[in-house]
Amino acid sequence: MTAAPLVRLASLGAPDALPNTIQRPQSCSGEALRIRNYPAKIMEGVADGPDADLKLFDASGLPTPMRARVMANMAAGERG
């Protein structure tokens, strides 16, 4: 059996040695608000509250008109 050849790896240095030109992420507060409002938008005209059954499918598993409404609400929320 032959020995595997030695491999040398390059070092990037410690993370604190990186230049300060790296862009820091901006605040996401607007995005967080949009995400919190999304469920309320989805259930508009479908359910009375966040714990209510959306009734997306009937007892036999077929989609109800409420499912179409939820999908339309989701699309409207995505468009803004």
C-alpha atoms as a PDB file:
ATOM      1  CA  MET A   1       0.000   0.000   0.000  1.00  0.00           C
ATOM      2  CA  THR A   2       1.351   3.436  -0.900  1.00  0.00           C
ATOM      3  CA  ALA A   3       1.016   6.507   1.277  1.00  0.00           C
ATOM      4  CA  ALA A   4      -1.266   9.304   0.133  1.00  0.00           C
ATOM      5  CA  PRO A   5       0.603  12.396  -1.077  1.00  0.00           C
ATOM      6  CA  LEU A   6       0.809  15.364   1.277  1.00  0.00           C
ATOM      7  CA  VAL A   7      -1.559  18.204   0.513  1.00  0.00           C
ATOM      8  CA  ARG A   8      -0.971  21.786   1.583  1.00  0.00           C
ATOM      9  CA  LEU A   9      -3.998  23.981   2.207  1.00  0.00           C
ATOM     10  CA  ALA A  10      -4.010  27.743   1.806  1.00  0.00           C
ATOM     11  CA  SER A  11      -4.960  29.816   4.820  1.00  0.00           C
ATOM     12  CA  LEU A  12      -7.339  32.737   4.598  1.00  0.00           C
ATOM     13  CA  GLY A  13      -6.338  33.970   8.000  1.00  0.00           C
ATOM     14  CA  ALA A  14      -8.499  34.598  11.018  1.00  0.00           C
ATOM     15  CA  PRO A  15     -11.958  36.149  10.413  1.00  0.00           C
ATOM     16  CA  ASP A  16     -10.920  39.302  12.303  1.00  0.00           C
ATOM     17  CA  ALA A  17      -8.146  39.758   9.755  1.00  0.00           C
ATOM     18  CA  LEU A  18     -10.664  40.382   6.954  1.00  0.00           C
ATOM     19  CA  PRO A  19     -10.928  43.935   5.612  1.00  0.00           C
ATOM     20  CA  ASN A  20     -13.748  46.195   6.804  1.00  0.00           C
ATOM     21  CA  THR A  21     -15.111  46.516   3.263  1.00  0.00           C
ATOM     22  CA  ILE A  22     -17.592  43.675   3.795  1.00  0.00           C
ATOM     23  CA  GLN A  23     -21.185  44.931   3.564  1.00  0.00           C
ATOM     24  CA  ARG A  24     -23.166  44.382   6.746  1.00  0.00           C
ATOM     25  CA  PRO A  25     -26.826  43.343   6.415  1.00  0.00           C
ATOM     26  CA  GLN A  26     -29.361  46.144   6.694  1.00  0.00           C
ATOM     27  CA  SER A  27     -32.272  46.140   9.135  1.00  0.00           C
ATOM     28  CA  CYS A  28     -34.981  43.594   8.360  1.00  0.00           C
ATOM     29  CA  SER A  29     -37.716  45.234  10.432  1.00  0.00           C
ATOM     30  CA  GLY A  30     -39.893  45.964   7.382  1.00  0.00           C
ATOM     31  CA  GLU A  31     -39.559  42.382   6.226  1.00  0.00           C
ATOM     32  CA  ALA A  32     -40.497  41.055   9.677  1.00  0.00           C
ATOM     33  CA  LEU A  33     -43.666  43.160   9.658  1.00  0.00           C
ATOM     34  CA  ARG A  34     -44.582  41.877   6.189  1.00  0.00           C
ATOM     35  CA  ILE A  35     -44.105  38.284   7.355  1.00  0.00           C
ATOM     36  CA  ARG A  36     -46.292  38.861  10.443  1.00  0.00           C
ATOM     37  CA  ASN A  37     -49.071  40.397   8.316  1.00  0.00           C
ATOM     38  CA  TYR A  38     -49.044  37.554   5.763  1.00  0.00           C
ATOM     39  CA  PRO A  39     -51.306  35.125   7.724  1.00  0.00           C
ATOM     40  CA  ALA A  40     -53.865  37.888   8.335  1.00  0.00           C
ATOM     41  CA  LYS A  41     -53.956  38.623   4.611  1.00  0.00           C
ATOM     42  CA  ILE A  42     -54.375  34.931   3.758  1.00  0.00           C
ATOM     43  CA  MET A  43     -57.429  34.457   5.974  1.00  0.00           C
ATOM     44  CA  GLU A  44     -59.278  37.627   4.860  1.00  0.00           C
ATOM     45  CA  GLY A  45     -62.841  36.608   3.994  1.00  0.00           C
ATOM     46  CA  VAL A  46     -62.103  32.997   4.945  1.00  0.00           C
ATOM     47  CA  ALA A  47     -61.881  32.722   8.742  1.00  0.00           C
ATOM     48  CA  ASP A  48     -62.726  34.809  11.787  1.00  0.00           C
ATOM     49  CA  GLY A  49     -59.412  34.385  13.589  1.00  0.00           C
ATOM     50  CA  PRO A  50     -55.990  32.784  13.571  1.00  0.00           C
ATOM     51  CA  ASP A  51     -57.225  29.612  15.290  1.00  0.00           C
ATOM     52  CA  ALA A  52     -60.246  29.063  13.021  1.00  0.00           C
ATOM     53  CA  ASP A  53     -60.403  26.218  10.522  1.00  0.00           C
ATOM     54  CA  LEU A  54     -59.873  27.602   7.023  1.00  0.00           C
ATOM     55  CA  LYS A  55     -62.018  24.776   5.579  1.00  0.00           C
ATOM     56  CA  LEU A  56     -59.786  24.380   2.541  1.00  0.00           C
ATOM     57  CA  PHE A  57     -60.997  20.820   1.851  1.00  0.00           C
ATOM     58  CA  ASP A  58     -64.331  19.085   2.355  1.00  0.00           C
ATOM     59  CA  ALA A  59     -64.869  15.759   4.145  1.00  0.00           C
ATOM     60  CA  SER A  60     -64.058  13.801   0.981  1.00  0.00           C
ATOM     61  CA  GLY A  61     -60.763  15.677   0.504  1.00  0.00           C
ATOM     62  CA  LEU A  62     -61.873  17.871  -2.387  1.00  0.00           C
ATOM     63  CA  PRO A  63     -60.908  21.567  -2.415  1.00  0.00           C
ATOM     64  CA  THR A  64     -63.591  24.025  -1.316  1.00  0.00           C
ATOM     65  CA  PRO A  65     -64.228  27.561  -2.581  1.00  0.00           C
ATOM     66  CA  MET A  66     -62.330  28.728   0.528  1.00  0.00           C
ATOM     67  CA  ARG A  67     -59.149  27.185  -0.892  1.00  0.00           C
ATOM     68  CA  ALA A  68     -59.501  29.285  -4.030  1.00  0.00           C
ATOM     69  CA  ARG A  69     -60.012  32.372  -1.849  1.00  0.00           C
ATOM     70  CA  VAL A  70     -56.893  31.593   0.213  1.00  0.00           C
ATOM     71  CA  MET A  71     -54.851  31.122  -2.969  1.00  0.00           C
ATOM     72  CA  ALA A  72     -56.123  34.465  -4.332  1.00  0.00           C
ATOM     73  CA  ASN A  73     -55.287  36.138  -1.008  1.00  0.00           C
ATOM     74  CA  MET A  74     -51.787  34.646  -1.091  1.00  0.00           C
ATOM     75  CA  ALA A  75     -51.229  35.899  -4.625  1.00  0.00           C
ATOM     76  CA  ALA A  76     -52.434  39.377  -3.665  1.00  0.00           C
ATOM     77  CA  GLY A  77     -50.066  39.367  -0.706  1.00  0.00           C
ATOM     78  CA  GLU A  78     -47.137  38.393  -2.923  1.00  0.00           C
ATOM     79  CA  ARG A  79     -47.901  41.149  -5.404  1.00  0.00           C
ATOM     80  CA  GLY A  80     -48.059  43.674  -2.596  1.00  0.00           C
END
